[in-house]
Amino acid sequence: MQARLATAVRRLREERGWTQEEAAHRCGMTTRLFQRVEGADVNLTFTSLARLCEGFGVDVVQLLKSSA
């Protein structure tokens, strides 16, 4: 699940043409945490998942569907 979610987050970021730093800022998290999300190196909390969704302008269902 982590790897699929990481792939989805990377895809969304690249589709928008954002750097990791810009995406992290838009998602309200540190660049290091965002890098760990994309690297599937962290277990996301609900709060972090919600921040990702808000930053990318998608809902949880869309994010999880894009990771399938």
PDB file of N, CA and C in Angstrom:
ATOM      1  N   MET A   1       0.828  -1.203   0.000  1.00  0.00           N
ATOM      2  CA  MET A   1       0.000   0.000   0.000  1.00  0.00           C
ATOM      3  C   MET A   1       0.868   1.261   0.000  1.00  0.00           C
ATOM      4  N   GLN A   2       1.927   1.265   0.837  1.00  0.00           N
ATOM      5  CA  GLN A   2       2.793   2.439   0.896  1.00  0.00           C
ATOM      6  C   GLN A   2       3.424   2.725  -0.456  1.00  0.00           C
ATOM      7  N   ALA A   3       3.901   1.685  -1.116  1.00  0.00           N
ATOM      8  CA  ALA A   3       4.567   1.875  -2.410  1.00  0.00           C
ATOM      9  C   ALA A   3       3.590   2.402  -3.451  1.00  0.00           C
ATOM     10  N   ARG A   4       2.370   1.881  -3.456  1.00  0.00           N
ATOM     11  CA  ARG A   4       1.367   2.355  -4.424  1.00  0.00           C
ATOM     12  C   ARG A   4       0.997   3.806  -4.155  1.00  0.00           C
ATOM     13  N   LEU A   5       0.859   4.146  -2.892  1.00  0.00           N
ATOM     14  CA  LEU A   5       0.529   5.525  -2.532  1.00  0.00           C
ATOM     15  C   LEU A   5       1.681   6.461  -2.902  1.00  0.00           C
ATOM     16  N   ALA A   6       2.906   6.022  -2.671  1.00  0.00           N
ATOM     17  CA  ALA A   6       4.078   6.820  -3.035  1.00  0.00           C
ATOM     18  C   ALA A   6       4.099   7.088  -4.536  1.00  0.00           C
ATOM     19  N   THR A   7       3.789   6.067  -5.318  1.00  0.00           N
ATOM     20  CA  THR A   7       3.749   6.219  -6.776  1.00  0.00           C
ATOM     21  C   THR A   7       2.672   7.211  -7.184  1.00  0.00           C
ATOM     22  N   ALA A   8       1.517   7.132  -6.546  1.00  0.00           N
ATOM     23  CA  ALA A   8       0.414   8.049  -6.862  1.00  0.00           C
ATOM     24  C   ALA A   8       0.789   9.490  -6.528  1.00  0.00           C
ATOM     25  N   VAL A   9       1.421   9.695  -5.386  1.00  0.00           N
ATOM     26  CA  VAL A   9       1.827  11.042  -4.979  1.00  0.00           C
ATOM     27  C   VAL A   9       2.860  11.592  -5.959  1.00  0.00           C
ATOM     28  N   ARG A  10       3.824  10.778  -6.325  1.00  0.00           N
ATOM     29  CA  ARG A  10       4.841  11.215  -7.288  1.00  0.00           C
ATOM     30  C   ARG A  10       4.193  11.573  -8.622  1.00  0.00           C
ATOM     31  N   ARG A  11       3.257  10.746  -9.066  1.00  0.00           N
ATOM     32  CA  ARG A  11       2.571  10.997 -10.340  1.00  0.00           C
ATOM     33  C   ARG A  11       1.817  12.328 -10.289  1.00  0.00           C
ATOM     34  N   LEU A  12       1.083  12.558  -9.210  1.00  0.00           N
ATOM     35  CA  LEU A  12       0.339  13.816  -9.073  1.00  0.00           C
ATOM     36  C   LEU A  12       1.286  15.012  -9.091  1.00  0.00           C
ATOM     37  N   ARG A  13       2.393  14.893  -8.379  1.00  0.00           N
ATOM     38  CA  ARG A  13       3.356  16.001  -8.325  1.00  0.00           C
ATOM     39  C   ARG A  13       3.941  16.280  -9.707  1.00  0.00           C
ATOM     40  N   GLU A  14       4.335  15.221 -10.391  1.00  0.00           N
ATOM     41  CA  GLU A  14       4.935  15.396 -11.713  1.00  0.00           C
ATOM     42  C   GLU A  14       3.932  15.931 -12.729  1.00  0.00           C
ATOM     43  N   GLU A  15       2.668  15.508 -12.633  1.00  0.00           N
ATOM     44  CA  GLU A  15       1.632  16.020 -13.537  1.00  0.00           C
ATOM     45  C   GLU A  15       1.468  17.528 -13.387  1.00  0.00           C
ATOM     46  N   ARG A  16       1.684  18.014 -12.170  1.00  0.00           N
ATOM     47  CA  ARG A  16       1.525  19.446 -11.909  1.00  0.00           C
ATOM     48  C   ARG A  16       2.814  20.229 -12.169  1.00  0.00           C
ATOM     49  N   GLY A  17       3.896  19.519 -12.412  1.00  0.00           N
ATOM     50  CA  GLY A  17       5.169  20.178 -12.669  1.00  0.00           C
ATOM     51  C   GLY A  17       5.802  20.779 -11.426  1.00  0.00           C
ATOM     52  N   TRP A  18       5.469  20.245 -10.257  1.00  0.00           N
ATOM     53  CA  TRP A  18       5.978  20.768  -8.995  1.00  0.00           C
ATOM     54  C   TRP A  18       7.265  20.061  -8.600  1.00  0.00           C
ATOM     55  N   THR A  19       8.129  20.795  -7.923  1.00  0.00           N
ATOM     56  CA  THR A  19       9.281  20.180  -7.269  1.00  0.00           C
ATOM     57  C   THR A  19       8.788  19.539  -5.973  1.00  0.00           C
ATOM     58  N   GLN A  20       9.639  18.732  -5.374  1.00  0.00           N
ATOM     59  CA  GLN A  20       9.269  18.162  -4.078  1.00  0.00           C
ATOM     60  C   GLN A  20       9.098  19.263  -3.041  1.00  0.00           C
ATOM     61  N   GLU A  21       9.932  20.280  -3.121  1.00  0.00           N
ATOM     62  CA  GLU A  21       9.845  21.394  -2.175  1.00  0.00           C
ATOM     63  C   GLU A  21       8.515  22.128  -2.308  1.00  0.00           C
ATOM     64  N   GLU A  22       8.108  22.385  -3.546  1.00  0.00           N
ATOM     65  CA  GLU A  22       6.839  23.083  -3.772  1.00  0.00           C
ATOM     66  C   GLU A  22       5.662  22.233  -3.313  1.00  0.00           C
ATOM     67  N   ALA A  23       5.691  20.958  -3.636  1.00  0.00           N
ATOM     68  CA  ALA A  23       4.607  20.065  -3.223  1.00  0.00           C
ATOM     69  C   ALA A  23       4.529  19.988  -1.703  1.00  0.00           C
ATOM     70  N   ALA A  24       5.676  19.876  -1.052  1.00  0.00           N
ATOM     71  CA  ALA A  24       5.701  19.818   0.411  1.00  0.00           C
ATOM     72  C   ALA A  24       5.077  21.075   1.001  1.00  0.00           C
ATOM     73  N   HIS A  25       5.452  22.226   0.465  1.00  0.00           N
ATOM     74  CA  HIS A  25       4.899  23.494   0.946  1.00  0.00           C
ATOM     75  C   HIS A  25       3.383  23.531   0.763  1.00  0.00           C
ATOM     76  N   ARG A  26       2.913  23.145  -0.408  1.00  0.00           N
ATOM     77  CA  ARG A  26       1.474  23.158  -0.684  1.00  0.00           C
ATOM     78  C   ARG A  26       0.712  22.173   0.200  1.00  0.00           C
ATOM     79  N   CYS A  27       1.396  21.113   0.611  1.00  0.00           N
ATOM     80  CA  CYS A  27       0.764  20.086   1.450  1.00  0.00           C
ATOM     81  C   CYS A  27       0.973  20.344   2.940  1.00  0.00           C
ATOM     82  N   GLY A  28       1.660  21.420   3.273  1.00  0.00           N
ATOM     83  CA  GLY A  28       1.851  21.773   4.675  1.00  0.00           C
ATOM     84  C   GLY A  28       2.738  20.807   5.434  1.00  0.00           C
ATOM     85  N   MET A  29       3.774  20.309   4.762  1.00  0.00           N
ATOM     86  CA  MET A  29       4.700  19.403   5.440  1.00  0.00           C
ATOM     87  C   MET A  29       6.128  19.770   5.059  1.00  0.00           C
ATOM     88  N   THR A  30       7.064  19.235   5.805  1.00  0.00           N
ATOM     89  CA  THR A  30       8.460  19.508   5.490  1.00  0.00           C
ATOM     90  C   THR A  30       8.849  18.785   4.203  1.00  0.00           C
ATOM     91  N   THR A  31       9.877  19.305   3.564  1.00  0.00           N
ATOM     92  CA  THR A  31      10.375  18.658   2.353  1.00  0.00           C
ATOM     93  C   THR A  31      10.844  17.247   2.671  1.00  0.00           C
ATOM     94  N   ARG A  32      11.514  17.071   3.803  1.00  0.00           N
ATOM     95  CA  ARG A  32      12.011  15.736   4.183  1.00  0.00           C
ATOM     96  C   ARG A  32      10.863  14.750   4.348  1.00  0.00           C
ATOM     97  N   LEU A  33       9.778  15.151   4.997  1.00  0.00           N
ATOM     98  CA  LEU A  33       8.636  14.251   5.147  1.00  0.00           C
ATOM     99  C   LEU A  33       8.048  13.925   3.788  1.00  0.00           C
ATOM    100  N   PHE A  34       7.924  14.926   2.935  1.00  0.00           N
ATOM    101  CA  PHE A  34       7.377  14.674   1.604  1.00  0.00           C
ATOM    102  C   PHE A  34       8.257  13.694   0.840  1.00  0.00           C
ATOM    103  N   GLN A  35       9.567  13.859   0.937  1.00  0.00           N
ATOM    104  CA  GLN A  35      10.488  12.928   0.278  1.00  0.00           C
ATOM    105  C   GLN A  35      10.301  11.512   0.812  1.00  0.00           C
ATOM    106  N   ARG A  36      10.079  11.390   2.095  1.00  0.00           N
ATOM    107  CA  ARG A  36       9.858  10.067   2.694  1.00  0.00           C
ATOM    108  C   ARG A  36       8.536   9.469   2.218  1.00  0.00           C
ATOM    109  N   VAL A  37       7.521  10.314   2.014  1.00  0.00           N
ATOM    110  CA  VAL A  37       6.245   9.830   1.472  1.00  0.00           C
ATOM    111  C   VAL A  37       6.469   9.275   0.072  1.00  0.00           C
ATOM    112  N   GLU A  38       7.143  10.046  -0.775  1.00  0.00           N
ATOM    113  CA  GLU A  38       7.407   9.593  -2.146  1.00  0.00           C
ATOM    114  C   GLU A  38       8.323   8.378  -2.185  1.00  0.00           C
ATOM    115  N   GLY A  39       9.152   8.225  -1.187  1.00  0.00           N
ATOM    116  CA  GLY A  39      10.059   7.084  -1.133  1.00  0.00           C
ATOM    117  C   GLY A  39       9.458   5.878  -0.437  1.00  0.00           C
ATOM    118  N   ALA A  40       8.185   5.969  -0.060  1.00  0.00           N
ATOM    119  CA  ALA A  40       7.491   4.894   0.662  1.00  0.00           C
ATOM    120  C   ALA A  40       8.258   4.522   1.926  1.00  0.00           C
ATOM    121  N   ASP A  41       8.806   5.546   2.576  1.00  0.00           N
ATOM    122  CA  ASP A  41       9.649   5.340   3.745  1.00  0.00           C
ATOM    123  C   ASP A  41       8.987   5.832   5.034  1.00  0.00           C
ATOM    124  N   VAL A  42       7.666   5.969   5.008  1.00  0.00           N
ATOM    125  CA  VAL A  42       6.964   6.464   6.187  1.00  0.00           C
ATOM    126  C   VAL A  42       5.547   5.896   6.190  1.00  0.00           C
ATOM    127  N   ASN A  43       5.055   5.587   7.375  1.00  0.00           N
ATOM    128  CA  ASN A  43       3.649   5.211   7.520  1.00  0.00           C
ATOM    129  C   ASN A  43       2.864   6.498   7.717  1.00  0.00           C
ATOM    130  N   LEU A  44       2.000   6.800   6.773  1.00  0.00           N
ATOM    131  CA  LEU A  44       1.248   8.053   6.829  1.00  0.00           C
ATOM    132  C   LEU A  44       0.218   8.046   7.942  1.00  0.00           C
ATOM    133  N   THR A  45       0.140   9.168   8.637  1.00  0.00           N
ATOM    134  CA  THR A  45      -0.944   9.373   9.587  1.00  0.00           C
ATOM    135  C   THR A  45      -2.148   9.888   8.803  1.00  0.00           C
ATOM    136  N   PHE A  46      -3.293   9.857   9.422  1.00  0.00           N
ATOM    137  CA  PHE A  46      -4.485  10.398   8.772  1.00  0.00           C
ATOM    138  C   PHE A  46      -4.283  11.879   8.467  1.00  0.00           C
ATOM    139  N   THR A  47      -3.641  12.591   9.389  1.00  0.00           N
ATOM    140  CA  THR A  47      -3.396  14.021   9.189  1.00  0.00           C
ATOM    141  C   THR A  47      -2.531  14.262   7.960  1.00  0.00           C
ATOM    142  N   SER A  48      -1.471  13.484   7.801  1.00  0.00           N
ATOM    143  CA  SER A  48      -0.601  13.642   6.627  1.00  0.00           C
ATOM    144  C   SER A  48      -1.339  13.294   5.347  1.00  0.00           C
ATOM    145  N   LEU A  49      -2.156  12.266   5.387  1.00  0.00           N
ATOM    146  CA  LEU A  49      -2.949  11.885   4.218  1.00  0.00           C
ATOM    147  C   LEU A  49      -3.906  13.016   3.845  1.00  0.00           C
ATOM    148  N   ALA A  50      -4.541  13.612   4.847  1.00  0.00           N
ATOM    149  CA  ALA A  50      -5.456  14.730   4.597  1.00  0.00           C
ATOM    150  C   ALA A  50      -4.707  15.929   4.019  1.00  0.00           C
ATOM    151  N   ARG A  51      -3.504  16.191   4.501  1.00  0.00           N
ATOM    152  CA  ARG A  51      -2.704  17.307   3.978  1.00  0.00           C
ATOM    153  C   ARG A  51      -2.319  17.075   2.521  1.00  0.00           C
ATOM    154  N   LEU A  52      -1.962  15.840   2.195  1.00  0.00           N
ATOM    155  CA  LEU A  52      -1.644  15.515   0.803  1.00  0.00           C
ATOM    156  C   LEU A  52      -2.848  15.775  -0.092  1.00  0.00           C
ATOM    157  N   CYS A  53      -4.005  15.300   0.343  1.00  0.00           N
ATOM    158  CA  CYS A  53      -5.223  15.483  -0.454  1.00  0.00           C
ATOM    159  C   CYS A  53      -5.534  16.961  -0.637  1.00  0.00           C
ATOM    160  N   GLU A  54      -5.427  17.722   0.430  1.00  0.00           N
ATOM    161  CA  GLU A  54      -5.711  19.157   0.338  1.00  0.00           C
ATOM    162  C   GLU A  54      -4.703  19.850  -0.576  1.00  0.00           C
ATOM    163  N   GLY A  55      -3.443  19.527  -0.421  1.00  0.00           N
ATOM    164  CA  GLY A  55      -2.400  20.154  -1.225  1.00  0.00           C
ATOM    165  C   GLY A  55      -2.540  19.875  -2.709  1.00  0.00           C
ATOM    166  N   PHE A  56      -2.962  18.649  -3.037  1.00  0.00           N
ATOM    167  CA  PHE A  56      -3.113  18.272  -4.441  1.00  0.00           C
ATOM    168  C   PHE A  56      -4.519  18.525  -4.974  1.00  0.00           C
ATOM    169  N   GLY A  57      -5.432  18.916  -4.098  1.00  0.00           N
ATOM    170  CA  GLY A  57      -6.792  19.205  -4.542  1.00  0.00           C
ATOM    171  C   GLY A  57      -7.563  17.970  -4.964  1.00  0.00           C
ATOM    172  N   VAL A  58      -7.304  16.857  -4.291  1.00  0.00           N
ATOM    173  CA  VAL A  58      -8.025  15.614  -4.571  1.00  0.00           C
ATOM    174  C   VAL A  58      -8.602  15.097  -3.262  1.00  0.00           C
ATOM    175  N   ASP A  59      -9.597  14.216  -3.365  1.00  0.00           N
ATOM    176  CA  ASP A  59     -10.096  13.604  -2.140  1.00  0.00           C
ATOM    177  C   ASP A  59      -9.396  12.260  -1.937  1.00  0.00           C
ATOM    178  N   VAL A  60      -9.600  11.692  -0.772  1.00  0.00           N
ATOM    179  CA  VAL A  60      -8.921  10.444  -0.414  1.00  0.00           C
ATOM    180  C   VAL A  60      -9.238   9.341  -1.411  1.00  0.00           C
ATOM    181  N   VAL A  61     -10.486   9.257  -1.842  1.00  0.00           N
ATOM    182  CA  VAL A  61     -10.881   8.216  -2.796  1.00  0.00           C
ATOM    183  C   VAL A  61     -10.095   8.367  -4.095  1.00  0.00           C
ATOM    184  N   GLN A  62      -9.983   9.594  -4.599  1.00  0.00           N
ATOM    185  CA  GLN A  62      -9.226   9.830  -5.835  1.00  0.00           C
ATOM    186  C   GLN A  62      -7.759   9.446  -5.658  1.00  0.00           C
ATOM    187  N   LEU A  63      -7.194   9.808  -4.522  1.00  0.00           N
ATOM    188  CA  LEU A  63      -5.791   9.492  -4.271  1.00  0.00           C
ATOM    189  C   LEU A  63      -5.583   7.983  -4.211  1.00  0.00           C
ATOM    190  N   LEU A  64      -6.451   7.296  -3.508  1.00  0.00           N
ATOM    191  CA  LEU A  64      -6.307   5.849  -3.388  1.00  0.00           C
ATOM    192  C   LEU A  64      -6.594   5.146  -4.710  1.00  0.00           C
ATOM    193  N   LYS A  65      -7.545   5.660  -5.485  1.00  0.00           N
ATOM    194  CA  LYS A  65      -7.818   5.071  -6.804  1.00  0.00           C
ATOM    195  C   LYS A  65      -6.617   5.223  -7.720  1.00  0.00           C
ATOM    196  N   SER A  66      -5.962   6.376  -7.650  1.00  0.00           N
ATOM    197  CA  SER A  66      -4.826   6.599  -8.542  1.00  0.00           C
ATOM    198  C   SER A  66      -3.617   5.777  -8.124  1.00  0.00           C
ATOM    199  N   SER A  67      -3.662   5.211  -6.922  1.00  0.00           N
ATOM    200  CA  SER A  67      -2.549   4.374  -6.478  1.00  0.00           C
ATOM    201  C   SER A  67      -2.756   2.916  -6.851  1.00  0.00           C
ATOM    202  N   ALA A  68      -3.946   2.585  -7.376  1.00  0.00           N
ATOM    203  CA  ALA A  68      -4.235   1.176  -7.702  1.00  0.00           C
ATOM    204  C   ALA A  68      -3.584   0.758  -8.995  1.00  0.00           C
TER     205      ALA A  68
END
